[in-house]
PDB file of N, CA and C in Angstrom:
ATOM      1  N   MET A   1       0.839  -1.119  -0.129  1.00  0.00           N
ATOM      2  CA  MET A   1       0.059   0.182   0.627  1.00  0.00           C
ATOM      3  C   MET A   1       0.720   0.896   0.203  1.00  0.00           C
ATOM      4  N   ILE A   2       0.188   2.080  -0.918  1.00  0.00           N
ATOM      5  CA  ILE A   2       1.348   3.406  -0.986  1.00  0.00           C
ATOM      6  C   ILE A   2       1.375   4.427   0.605  1.00  0.00           C
ATOM      7  N   ASP A   3       1.826   4.775   1.155  1.00  0.00           N
ATOM      8  CA  ASP A   3       1.385   6.475   1.741  1.00  0.00           C
ATOM      9  C   ASP A   3       1.309   7.296   1.027  1.00  0.00           C
ATOM     10  N   HIS A   4      -0.068   7.680   0.322  1.00  0.00           N
ATOM     11  CA  HIS A   4      -0.034   8.908   0.187  1.00  0.00           C
ATOM     12  C   HIS A   4       0.541  10.698   1.058  1.00  0.00           C
ATOM     13  N   ALA A   5       0.385  10.358   2.088  1.00  0.00           N
ATOM     14  CA  ALA A   5       1.276  11.442   2.841  1.00  0.00           C
ATOM     15  C   ALA A   5       2.726  11.917   2.400  1.00  0.00           C
ATOM     16  N   LYS A   6       3.022  11.372   1.511  1.00  0.00           N
ATOM     17  CA  LYS A   6       4.030  11.119   1.102  1.00  0.00           C
ATOM     18  C   LYS A   6       4.852  10.321  -0.174  1.00  0.00           C
ATOM     19  N   PRO A   7       4.381  11.579  -0.599  1.00  0.00           N
ATOM     20  CA  PRO A   7       4.718  11.023  -2.386  1.00  0.00           C
ATOM     21  C   PRO A   7       6.046  10.378  -3.238  1.00  0.00           C
ATOM     22  N   ASN A   8       5.833  10.186  -4.088  1.00  0.00           N
ATOM     23  CA  ASN A   8       7.818  10.313  -4.329  1.00  0.00           C
ATOM     24  C   ASN A   8       7.784  11.417  -4.727  1.00  0.00           C
ATOM     25  N   LEU A   9       9.287  11.446  -4.838  1.00  0.00           N
ATOM     26  CA  LEU A   9       9.716  12.027  -5.819  1.00  0.00           C
ATOM     27  C   LEU A   9       8.656  12.321  -7.114  1.00  0.00           C
ATOM     28  N   THR A  10       9.300  13.292  -8.134  1.00  0.00           N
ATOM     29  CA  THR A  10       8.032  13.446  -9.066  1.00  0.00           C
ATOM     30  C   THR A  10       8.547  12.855 -10.258  1.00  0.00           C
ATOM     31  N   GLY A  11       7.944  12.301 -11.278  1.00  0.00           N
ATOM     32  CA  GLY A  11       8.730  11.113 -11.488  1.00  0.00           C
ATOM     33  C   GLY A  11       9.262   9.785 -11.042  1.00  0.00           C
ATOM     34  N   HIS A  12       9.680   9.217 -10.434  1.00  0.00           N
ATOM     35  CA  HIS A  12      10.209   8.377  -9.814  1.00  0.00           C
ATOM     36  C   HIS A  12       9.130   7.508  -9.994  1.00  0.00           C
ATOM     37  N   ALA A  13      10.287   5.463 -10.815  1.00  0.00           N
ATOM     38  CA  ALA A  13       8.969   5.077 -10.004  1.00  0.00           C
ATOM     39  C   ALA A  13       8.634   4.611  -8.403  1.00  0.00           C
ATOM     40  N   PRO A  14       7.576   3.935  -8.083  1.00  0.00           N
ATOM     41  CA  PRO A  14       7.383   3.976  -6.666  1.00  0.00           C
ATOM     42  C   PRO A  14       8.274   3.024  -6.441  1.00  0.00           C
ATOM     43  N   GLU A  15       7.919   2.969  -4.877  1.00  0.00           N
ATOM     44  CA  GLU A  15       9.371   2.077  -3.873  1.00  0.00           C
ATOM     45  C   GLU A  15       9.057   1.058  -4.351  1.00  0.00           C
ATOM     46  N   GLU A  16       8.212   0.280  -4.443  1.00  0.00           N
ATOM     47  CA  GLU A  16       7.147  -1.103  -4.625  1.00  0.00           C
ATOM     48  C   GLU A  16       6.363  -1.139  -6.048  1.00  0.00           C
ATOM     49  N   PRO A  17       6.444  -2.394  -6.501  1.00  0.00           N
ATOM     50  CA  PRO A  17       5.963  -2.529  -7.399  1.00  0.00           C
ATOM     51  C   PRO A  17       3.716  -2.298  -7.302  1.00  0.00           C
ATOM     52  N   THR A  18       3.357  -1.525  -7.823  1.00  0.00           N
ATOM     53  CA  THR A  18       1.846  -1.260  -7.635  1.00  0.00           C
ATOM     54  C   THR A  18       0.771  -0.792  -9.172  1.00  0.00           C
ATOM     55  N   THR A  19       0.083  -1.654  -8.332  1.00  0.00           N
ATOM     56  CA  THR A  19      -1.541  -0.965  -9.611  1.00  0.00           C
ATOM     57  C   THR A  19      -1.994   0.239  -9.402  1.00  0.00           C
ATOM     58  N   LEU A  20      -3.243   1.217 -10.335  1.00  0.00           N
ATOM     59  CA  LEU A  20      -3.939   1.988 -10.329  1.00  0.00           C
ATOM     60  C   LEU A  20      -4.925   1.111  -8.570  1.00  0.00           C
ATOM     61  N   ARG A  21      -4.714   0.687  -9.405  1.00  0.00           N
ATOM     62  CA  ARG A  21      -6.087  -0.113  -7.236  1.00  0.00           C
ATOM     63  C   ARG A  21      -5.211  -0.334  -6.099  1.00  0.00           C
ATOM     64  N   ASP A  22      -4.047   0.024  -6.170  1.00  0.00           N
ATOM     65  CA  ASP A  22      -3.370  -0.280  -5.336  1.00  0.00           C
ATOM     66  C   ASP A  22      -2.563   1.176  -5.299  1.00  0.00           C
ATOM     67  N   TRP A  23      -2.796   1.614  -5.687  1.00  0.00           N
ATOM     68  CA  TRP A  23      -2.762   3.865  -6.027  1.00  0.00           C
ATOM     69  C   TRP A  23      -3.609   4.299  -5.411  1.00  0.00           C
ATOM     70  N   ILE A  24      -4.709   4.687  -5.828  1.00  0.00           N
ATOM     71  CA  ILE A  24      -6.333   4.796  -5.532  1.00  0.00           C
ATOM     72  C   ILE A  24      -6.051   4.581  -3.846  1.00  0.00           C
ATOM     73  N   HIS A  25      -6.859   5.281  -3.536  1.00  0.00           N
ATOM     74  CA  HIS A  25      -7.589   5.559  -1.825  1.00  0.00           C
ATOM     75  C   HIS A  25      -8.434   4.593  -1.026  1.00  0.00           C
ATOM     76  N   GLU A  26      -7.758   3.991  -0.695  1.00  0.00           N
ATOM     77  CA  GLU A  26      -9.050   2.726  -0.532  1.00  0.00           C
ATOM     78  C   GLU A  26     -10.590   3.236  -0.014  1.00  0.00           C
ATOM     79  N   ASP A  27     -10.808   4.137   0.648  1.00  0.00           N
ATOM     80  CA  ASP A  27     -11.929   4.900   0.863  1.00  0.00           C
ATOM     81  C   ASP A  27     -12.948   5.752  -0.743  1.00  0.00           C
ATOM     82  N   ALA A  28     -11.609   5.456  -1.480  1.00  0.00           N
ATOM     83  CA  ALA A  28     -12.298   6.298  -2.995  1.00  0.00           C
ATOM     84  C   ALA A  28     -13.024   5.228  -3.557  1.00  0.00           C
ATOM     85  N   ARG A  29     -12.144   4.109  -3.374  1.00  0.00           N
ATOM     86  CA  ARG A  29     -12.302   2.699  -4.026  1.00  0.00           C
ATOM     87  C   ARG A  29     -13.824   2.169  -4.486  1.00  0.00           C
ATOM     88  N   THR A  30     -14.702   1.969  -4.088  1.00  0.00           N
ATOM     89  CA  THR A  30     -15.824   2.050  -4.642  1.00  0.00           C
ATOM     90  C   THR A  30     -17.506   3.102  -4.825  1.00  0.00           C
ATOM     91  N   GLU A  31     -16.596   4.072  -5.048  1.00  0.00           N
ATOM     92  CA  GLU A  31     -16.974   5.362  -6.973  1.00  0.00           C
ATOM     93  C   GLU A  31     -16.306   5.312  -7.275  1.00  0.00           C
ATOM     94  N   GLN A  32     -15.078   4.271  -8.070  1.00  0.00           N
ATOM     95  CA  GLN A  32     -14.203   4.183  -8.720  1.00  0.00           C
ATOM     96  C   GLN A  32     -14.721   3.397  -9.482  1.00  0.00           C
ATOM     97  N   GLU A  33     -15.348   2.494  -9.432  1.00  0.00           N
ATOM     98  CA  GLU A  33     -15.742   1.083 -10.018  1.00  0.00           C
ATOM     99  C   GLU A  33     -15.247   0.630 -10.968  1.00  0.00           C
ATOM    100  N   ALA A  34     -15.983   2.463 -11.781  1.00  0.00           N
ATOM    101  CA  ALA A  34     -15.696   1.357 -13.572  1.00  0.00           C
ATOM    102  C   ALA A  34     -14.472   1.161 -14.052  1.00  0.00           C
ATOM    103  N   LEU A  35     -13.422   2.961 -13.704  1.00  0.00           N
ATOM    104  CA  LEU A  35     -12.311   3.158 -13.649  1.00  0.00           C
ATOM    105  C   LEU A  35     -11.272   1.795 -13.206  1.00  0.00           C
ATOM    106  N   LEU A  36     -11.653   1.220 -11.886  1.00  0.00           N
ATOM    107  CA  LEU A  36     -10.936   0.112 -11.348  1.00  0.00           C
ATOM    108  C   LEU A  36     -11.030  -1.488 -12.239  1.00  0.00           C
ATOM    109  N   ALA A  37     -12.333  -1.188 -12.665  1.00  0.00           N
ATOM    110  CA  ALA A  37     -12.101  -2.332 -13.592  1.00  0.00           C
ATOM    111  C   ALA A  37     -12.305  -2.387 -14.804  1.00  0.00           C
ATOM    112  N   LYS A  38     -11.838  -1.645 -15.888  1.00  0.00           N
ATOM    113  CA  LYS A  38     -11.229  -1.342 -17.247  1.00  0.00           C
ATOM    114  C   LYS A  38      -9.703  -1.156 -16.658  1.00  0.00           C
ATOM    115  N   HIS A  39      -9.239   0.016 -15.523  1.00  0.00           N
ATOM    116  CA  HIS A  39      -7.554   0.331 -15.829  1.00  0.00           C
ATOM    117  C   HIS A  39      -7.138  -0.787 -14.350  1.00  0.00           C
ATOM    118  N   GLY A  40      -7.701  -1.011 -12.870  1.00  0.00           N
ATOM    119  CA  GLY A  40      -7.134  -1.054 -12.446  1.00  0.00           C
ATOM    120  C   GLY A  40      -5.782  -2.427 -11.901  1.00  0.00           C
ATOM    121  N   ASP A  41      -5.692  -3.482 -12.028  1.00  0.00           N
ATOM    122  CA  ASP A  41      -5.183  -4.083 -13.023  1.00  0.00           C
ATOM    123  C   ASP A  41      -3.297  -3.547 -13.168  1.00  0.00           C
ATOM    124  N   LYS A  42      -3.848  -2.195 -13.417  1.00  0.00           N
ATOM    125  CA  LYS A  42      -2.431  -2.098 -15.010  1.00  0.00           C
ATOM    126  C   LYS A  42      -1.124  -1.342 -13.884  1.00  0.00           C
ATOM    127  N   LYS A  43      -0.046  -1.522 -14.186  1.00  0.00           N
ATOM    128  CA  LYS A  43       1.252  -0.687 -13.420  1.00  0.00           C
ATOM    129  C   LYS A  43       1.193   0.025 -13.416  1.00  0.00           C
ATOM    130  N   VAL A  44       1.874   0.507 -12.483  1.00  0.00           N
ATOM    131  CA  VAL A  44       2.260   1.348 -11.605  1.00  0.00           C
ATOM    132  C   VAL A  44       3.775   2.390 -12.889  1.00  0.00           C
ATOM    133  N   VAL A  45       4.018   3.753 -13.054  1.00  0.00           N
ATOM    134  CA  VAL A  45       5.792   2.542 -13.790  1.00  0.00           C
ATOM    135  C   VAL A  45       5.993   4.307 -13.231  1.00  0.00           C
ATOM    136  N   SER A  46       5.197   5.166 -13.225  1.00  0.00           N
ATOM    137  CA  SER A  46       5.319   6.499 -12.176  1.00  0.00           C
ATOM    138  C   SER A  46       4.848   7.509 -11.184  1.00  0.00           C
ATOM    139  N   ILE A  47       5.244   8.147 -11.011  1.00  0.00           N
ATOM    140  CA  ILE A  47       3.327   9.056  -9.313  1.00  0.00           C
ATOM    141  C   ILE A  47       5.684   9.929 -10.070  1.00  0.00           C
ATOM    142  N   HIS A  48       4.191  11.782  -9.699  1.00  0.00           N
ATOM    143  CA  HIS A  48       4.183  12.756 -10.092  1.00  0.00           C
ATOM    144  C   HIS A  48       3.346  13.839  -9.076  1.00  0.00           C
ATOM    145  N   ASP A  49       4.569  14.696  -8.453  1.00  0.00           N
ATOM    146  CA  ASP A  49       3.278  15.408  -7.698  1.00  0.00           C
ATOM    147  C   ASP A  49       3.290  16.089  -8.912  1.00  0.00           C
ATOM    148  N   GLY A  50       1.544  16.894  -8.517  1.00  0.00           N
ATOM    149  CA  GLY A  50       1.198  18.545  -9.590  1.00  0.00           C
ATOM    150  C   GLY A  50       1.138  19.533  -8.876  1.00  0.00           C
ATOM    151  N   THR A  51       2.366  19.458  -8.502  1.00  0.00           N
ATOM    152  CA  THR A  51       1.727  21.084  -7.517  1.00  0.00           C
ATOM    153  C   THR A  51       3.459  21.389  -8.530  1.00  0.00           C
ATOM    154  N   GLU A  52       4.528  20.747  -9.394  1.00  0.00           N
ATOM    155  CA  GLU A  52       5.736  20.535  -9.829  1.00  0.00           C
ATOM    156  C   GLU A  52       5.808  19.894 -11.675  1.00  0.00           C
ATOM    157  N   GLN A  53       5.058  19.136 -11.781  1.00  0.00           N
ATOM    158  CA  GLN A  53       4.348  18.923 -13.045  1.00  0.00           C
ATOM    159  C   GLN A  53       2.814  18.332 -13.438  1.00  0.00           C
ATOM    160  N   ALA A  54       1.963  20.123 -13.938  1.00  0.00           N
ATOM    161  CA  ALA A  54       0.664  19.687 -13.890  1.00  0.00           C
ATOM    162  C   ALA A  54       0.271  18.592 -14.488  1.00  0.00           C
ATOM    163  N   PHE A  55      -0.357  17.880 -14.494  1.00  0.00           N
ATOM    164  CA  PHE A  55      -1.557  16.818 -15.504  1.00  0.00           C
ATOM    165  C   PHE A  55      -1.430  17.206 -16.704  1.00  0.00           C
ATOM    166  N   PRO A  56      -0.914  15.925 -17.268  1.00  0.00           N
ATOM    167  CA  PRO A  56      -1.677  16.061 -18.084  1.00  0.00           C
ATOM    168  C   PRO A  56      -2.251  16.167 -19.529  1.00  0.00           C
ATOM    169  N   GLN A  57      -3.050  17.823 -19.462  1.00  0.00           N
ATOM    170  CA  GLN A  57      -4.521  17.172 -20.964  1.00  0.00           C
ATOM    171  C   GLN A  57      -5.120  18.828 -20.966  1.00  0.00           C
ATOM    172  N   THR A  58      -5.482  19.236 -21.663  1.00  0.00           N
ATOM    173  CA  THR A  58      -5.455  19.360 -23.754  1.00  0.00           C
ATOM    174  C   THR A  58      -5.412  20.916 -23.007  1.00  0.00           C
ATOM    175  N   GLY A  59      -5.446  21.757 -23.751  1.00  0.00           N
ATOM    176  CA  GLY A  59      -5.458  23.167 -23.392  1.00  0.00           C
ATOM    177  C   GLY A  59      -4.704  23.528 -21.710  1.00  0.00           C
ATOM    178  N   ASN A  60      -4.245  24.983 -21.483  1.00  0.00           N
ATOM    179  CA  ASN A  60      -3.553  24.406 -21.018  1.00  0.00           C
ATOM    180  C   ASN A  60      -3.406  24.719 -19.300  1.00  0.00           C
ATOM    181  N   PRO A  61      -2.843  23.470 -18.983  1.00  0.00           N
ATOM    182  CA  PRO A  61      -3.416  22.350 -17.770  1.00  0.00           C
ATOM    183  C   PRO A  61      -3.780  23.163 -16.072  1.00  0.00           C
ATOM    184  N   TRP A  62      -3.196  24.877 -16.177  1.00  0.00           N
ATOM    185  CA  TRP A  62      -2.935  24.857 -15.221  1.00  0.00           C
ATOM    186  C   TRP A  62      -4.374  26.059 -15.043  1.00  0.00           C
ATOM    187  N   LYS A  63      -5.267  26.400 -16.012  1.00  0.00           N
ATOM    188  CA  LYS A  63      -6.275  26.434 -16.007  1.00  0.00           C
ATOM    189  C   LYS A  63      -7.338  26.161 -16.533  1.00  0.00           C
ATOM    190  N   THR A  64      -6.929  24.335 -16.846  1.00  0.00           N
ATOM    191  CA  THR A  64      -8.848  22.950 -17.526  1.00  0.00           C
ATOM    192  C   THR A  64      -8.924  22.613 -15.659  1.00  0.00           C
ATOM    193  N   ALA A  65      -9.972  22.013 -15.641  1.00  0.00           N
ATOM    194  CA  ALA A  65     -10.769  21.522 -15.178  1.00  0.00           C
ATOM    195  C   ALA A  65     -10.418  20.264 -13.814  1.00  0.00           C
ATOM    196  N   TYR A  66      -9.214  20.022 -14.583  1.00  0.00           N
ATOM    197  CA  TYR A  66      -8.565  19.052 -13.441  1.00  0.00           C
ATOM    198  C   TYR A  66      -6.920  19.578 -12.909  1.00  0.00           C
ATOM    199  N   ARG A  67      -7.352  20.919 -12.309  1.00  0.00           N
ATOM    200  CA  ARG A  67      -5.976  21.567 -12.354  1.00  0.00           C
ATOM    201  C   ARG A  67      -5.760  21.313 -10.509  1.00  0.00           C
ATOM    202  N   ASN A  68      -7.031  20.319  -9.253  1.00  0.00           N
ATOM    203  CA  ASN A  68      -6.624  20.413  -8.818  1.00  0.00           C
ATOM    204  C   ASN A  68      -5.746  18.786  -8.171  1.00  0.00           C
ATOM    205  N   VAL A  69      -4.851  18.511  -8.777  1.00  0.00           N
ATOM    206  CA  VAL A  69      -4.737  17.356  -9.500  1.00  0.00           C
ATOM    207  C   VAL A  69      -3.321  17.643  -8.332  1.00  0.00           C
ATOM    208  N   MET A  70      -2.993  16.973  -7.983  1.00  0.00           N
ATOM    209  CA  MET A  70      -1.978  17.015  -6.483  1.00  0.00           C
ATOM    210  C   MET A  70      -1.300  16.073  -7.267  1.00  0.00           C
ATOM    211  N   HIS A  71      -1.684  14.543  -7.014  1.00  0.00           N
ATOM    212  CA  HIS A  71      -0.859  13.608  -7.651  1.00  0.00           C
ATOM    213  C   HIS A  71      -0.783  13.132  -8.890  1.00  0.00           C
ATOM    214  N   TRP A  72      -0.165  12.552  -9.512  1.00  0.00           N
ATOM    215  CA  TRP A  72      -0.866  11.498 -10.999  1.00  0.00           C
ATOM    216  C   TRP A  72       0.437  10.269 -11.619  1.00  0.00           C
ATOM    217  N   VAL A  73      -0.261   9.558 -11.792  1.00  0.00           N
ATOM    218  CA  VAL A  73       1.137   8.386 -11.979  1.00  0.00           C
ATOM    219  C   VAL A  73      -0.126   7.984 -13.229  1.00  0.00           C
ATOM    220  N   ILE A  74       1.418   7.650 -14.187  1.00  0.00           N
ATOM    221  CA  ILE A  74       0.966   7.093 -15.540  1.00  0.00           C
ATOM    222  C   ILE A  74       1.563   5.530 -15.491  1.00  0.00           C
ATOM    223  N   LEU A  75       0.677   5.388 -15.907  1.00  0.00           N
ATOM    224  CA  LEU A  75       0.478   3.673 -16.194  1.00  0.00           C
ATOM    225  C   LEU A  75       1.489   3.283 -16.924  1.00  0.00           C
ATOM    226  N   GLU A  76       1.077   2.343 -17.388  1.00  0.00           N
ATOM    227  CA  GLU A  76       2.194   1.217 -18.771  1.00  0.00           C
ATOM    228  C   GLU A  76       1.744   1.249 -19.906  1.00  0.00           C
ATOM    229  N   ASP A  77       0.637   1.431 -20.099  1.00  0.00           N
ATOM    230  CA  ASP A  77       0.331   1.565 -21.219  1.00  0.00           C
ATOM    231  C   ASP A  77      -0.075   3.089 -22.048  1.00  0.00           C
ATOM    232  N   GLY A  78       0.998   4.033 -20.749  1.00  0.00           N
ATOM    233  CA  GLY A  78       1.437   5.092 -21.405  1.00  0.00           C
ATOM    234  C   GLY A  78       0.139   6.749 -20.549  1.00  0.00           C
ATOM    235  N   SER A  79      -1.229   5.899 -20.723  1.00  0.00           N
ATOM    236  CA  SER A  79      -2.245   7.022 -19.802  1.00  0.00           C
ATOM    237  C   SER A  79      -1.580   7.427 -18.815  1.00  0.00           C
ATOM    238  N   ALA A  80      -2.746   8.836 -18.552  1.00  0.00           N
ATOM    239  CA  ALA A  80      -2.289   8.796 -16.858  1.00  0.00           C
ATOM    240  C   ALA A  80      -3.360   9.072 -15.797  1.00  0.00           C
ATOM    241  N   VAL A  81      -3.084   8.709 -15.192  1.00  0.00           N
ATOM    242  CA  VAL A  81      -4.450   8.828 -13.564  1.00  0.00           C
ATOM    243  C   VAL A  81      -4.587   9.420 -12.717  1.00  0.00           C
ATOM    244  N   GLY A  82      -4.979  10.475 -12.896  1.00  0.00           N
ATOM    245  CA  GLY A  82      -4.903  11.700 -11.512  1.00  0.00           C
ATOM    246  C   GLY A  82      -5.210  12.401 -10.866  1.00  0.00           C
ATOM    247  N   TRP A  83      -4.999  12.627  -8.954  1.00  0.00           N
ATOM    248  CA  TRP A  83      -5.774  12.733  -7.908  1.00  0.00           C
ATOM    249  C   TRP A  83      -5.794  14.093  -8.067  1.00  0.00           C
ATOM    250  N   ASN A  84      -7.675  13.652  -7.910  1.00  0.00           N
ATOM    251  CA  ASN A  84      -8.192  15.259  -8.208  1.00  0.00           C
ATOM    252  C   ASN A  84      -8.935  15.582  -6.439  1.00  0.00           C
ATOM    253  N   GLU A  85      -8.260  16.662  -6.161  1.00  0.00           N
ATOM    254  CA  GLU A  85      -8.749  17.493  -5.003  1.00  0.00           C
ATOM    255  C   GLU A  85      -9.610  18.537  -5.543  1.00  0.00           C
ATOM    256  N   SER A  86     -11.150  18.170  -5.648  1.00  0.00           N
ATOM    257  CA  SER A  86     -11.143  20.162  -5.832  1.00  0.00           C
ATOM    258  C   SER A  86     -12.030  20.127  -4.300  1.00  0.00           C
ATOM    259  N   PRO A  87     -11.759  21.315  -4.368  1.00  0.00           N
ATOM    260  CA  PRO A  87     -12.647  21.716  -2.997  1.00  0.00           C
ATOM    261  C   PRO A  87     -13.936  21.794  -2.504  1.00  0.00           C
ATOM    262  N   ARG A  88     -14.237  22.126  -3.481  1.00  0.00           N
ATOM    263  CA  ARG A  88     -16.186  21.843  -4.178  1.00  0.00           C
ATOM    264  C   ARG A  88     -17.115  20.219  -4.392  1.00  0.00           C
ATOM    265  N   ASN A  89     -15.684  19.726  -5.326  1.00  0.00           N
ATOM    266  CA  ASN A  89     -16.376  17.914  -5.838  1.00  0.00           C
ATOM    267  C   ASN A  89     -16.568  16.702  -4.760  1.00  0.00           C
ATOM    268  N   GLY A  90     -14.543  17.650  -3.996  1.00  0.00           N
ATOM    269  CA  GLY A  90     -14.266  16.497  -2.810  1.00  0.00           C
ATOM    270  C   GLY A  90     -13.362  15.267  -4.300  1.00  0.00           C
ATOM    271  N   TRP A  91     -12.538  14.158  -4.671  1.00  0.00           N
ATOM    272  CA  TRP A  91     -11.725  13.628  -5.643  1.00  0.00           C
ATOM    273  C   TRP A  91     -12.794  12.682  -6.365  1.00  0.00           C
ATOM    274  N   SER A  92     -11.733  12.749  -7.563  1.00  0.00           N
ATOM    275  CA  SER A  92     -12.204  11.767  -8.659  1.00  0.00           C
ATOM    276  C   SER A  92     -10.656  11.585  -9.050  1.00  0.00           C
ATOM    277  N   PHE A  93     -10.539  10.389  -9.709  1.00  0.00           N
ATOM    278  CA  PHE A  93      -9.628  10.055 -10.722  1.00  0.00           C
ATOM    279  C   PHE A  93      -9.993  10.464 -12.130  1.00  0.00           C
ATOM    280  N   PRO A  94      -9.543  11.640 -12.295  1.00  0.00           N
ATOM    281  CA  PRO A  94      -9.718  12.093 -14.282  1.00  0.00           C
ATOM    282  C   PRO A  94      -8.064  10.898 -15.086  1.00  0.00           C
ATOM    283  N   ARG A  95      -9.026  11.043 -16.145  1.00  0.00           N
ATOM    284  CA  ARG A  95      -7.955   9.358 -16.883  1.00  0.00           C
ATOM    285  C   ARG A  95      -7.521  10.645 -18.134  1.00  0.00           C
ATOM    286  N   THR A  96      -6.131  10.120 -18.089  1.00  0.00           N
ATOM    287  CA  THR A  96      -5.938  10.648 -20.197  1.00  0.00           C
ATOM    288  C   THR A  96      -5.220  10.098 -21.009  1.00  0.00           C
ATOM    289  N   GLY A  97      -5.740   9.499 -22.072  1.00  0.00           N
ATOM    290  CA  GLY A  97      -5.412   8.573 -23.030  1.00  0.00           C
ATOM    291  C   GLY A  97      -2.503   9.034 -22.929  1.00  0.00           C
ATOM    292  N   ALA A  98      -2.882   8.065 -23.665  1.00  0.00           N
ATOM    293  CA  ALA A  98      -1.027   8.465 -24.063  1.00  0.00           C
ATOM    294  C   ALA A  98      -0.902   9.023 -24.776  1.00  0.00           C
ATOM    295  N   GLN A  99      -1.889   9.156 -25.420  1.00  0.00           N
ATOM    296  CA  GLN A  99      -1.199  10.377 -27.060  1.00  0.00           C
ATOM    297  C   GLN A  99      -1.301  12.250 -26.014  1.00  0.00           C
ATOM    298  N   THR A 100      -2.208  12.252 -24.858  1.00  0.00           N
ATOM    299  CA  THR A 100      -2.015  13.568 -24.492  1.00  0.00           C
ATOM    300  C   THR A 100      -0.414  13.506 -24.105  1.00  0.00           C
ATOM    301  N   VAL A 101      -0.304  12.238 -23.678  1.00  0.00           N
ATOM    302  CA  VAL A 101       0.416  12.288 -21.911  1.00  0.00           C
ATOM    303  C   VAL A 101       1.792  11.974 -22.957  1.00  0.00           C
ATOM    304  N   LYS A 102       2.430  11.863 -23.773  1.00  0.00           N
ATOM    305  CA  LYS A 102       3.170  12.094 -24.983  1.00  0.00           C
ATOM    306  C   LYS A 102       3.499  12.780 -25.853  1.00  0.00           C
ATOM    307  N   LYS A 103       2.404  13.981 -26.084  1.00  0.00           N
ATOM    308  CA  LYS A 103       3.044  15.433 -25.954  1.00  0.00           C
ATOM    309  C   LYS A 103       2.863  16.677 -24.977  1.00  0.00           C
ATOM    310  N   ARG A 104       2.753  16.323 -23.629  1.00  0.00           N
ATOM    311  CA  ARG A 104       2.842  17.071 -23.107  1.00  0.00           C
ATOM    312  C   ARG A 104       4.224  16.705 -22.508  1.00  0.00           C
ATOM    313  N   GLY A 105       4.976  14.690 -23.048  1.00  0.00           N
ATOM    314  CA  GLY A 105       6.578  16.264 -22.723  1.00  0.00           C
ATOM    315  C   GLY A 105       6.765  14.549 -21.762  1.00  0.00           C
ATOM    316  N   TYR A 106       5.447  14.155 -21.032  1.00  0.00           N
ATOM    317  CA  TYR A 106       5.934  13.122 -19.958  1.00  0.00           C
ATOM    318  C   TYR A 106       6.596  11.393 -20.707  1.00  0.00           C
TER     319      TYR A 106
END
């Protein structure tokens, strides 16, 4: 289980082999059944600090819908999943495809 209070340094591989299911906080897993059913067993290849590297998305990443992503990961298929901590709406876990991740240079 990953200690979410102490995220790894930006762009570093996880300290131990982990999957998206392990990375998503256990309190949020029941709300994320669809995401986990499709991508939950994919391996996390790197963990990023959203305050240092904006979550890869189209448009200006600091002004778009997921500007509250404080932690995000790149999965083995090249896609990214972020932990969006919206002050108004609570947690969500947006996913962006491998092409967008590649365009942003991650």
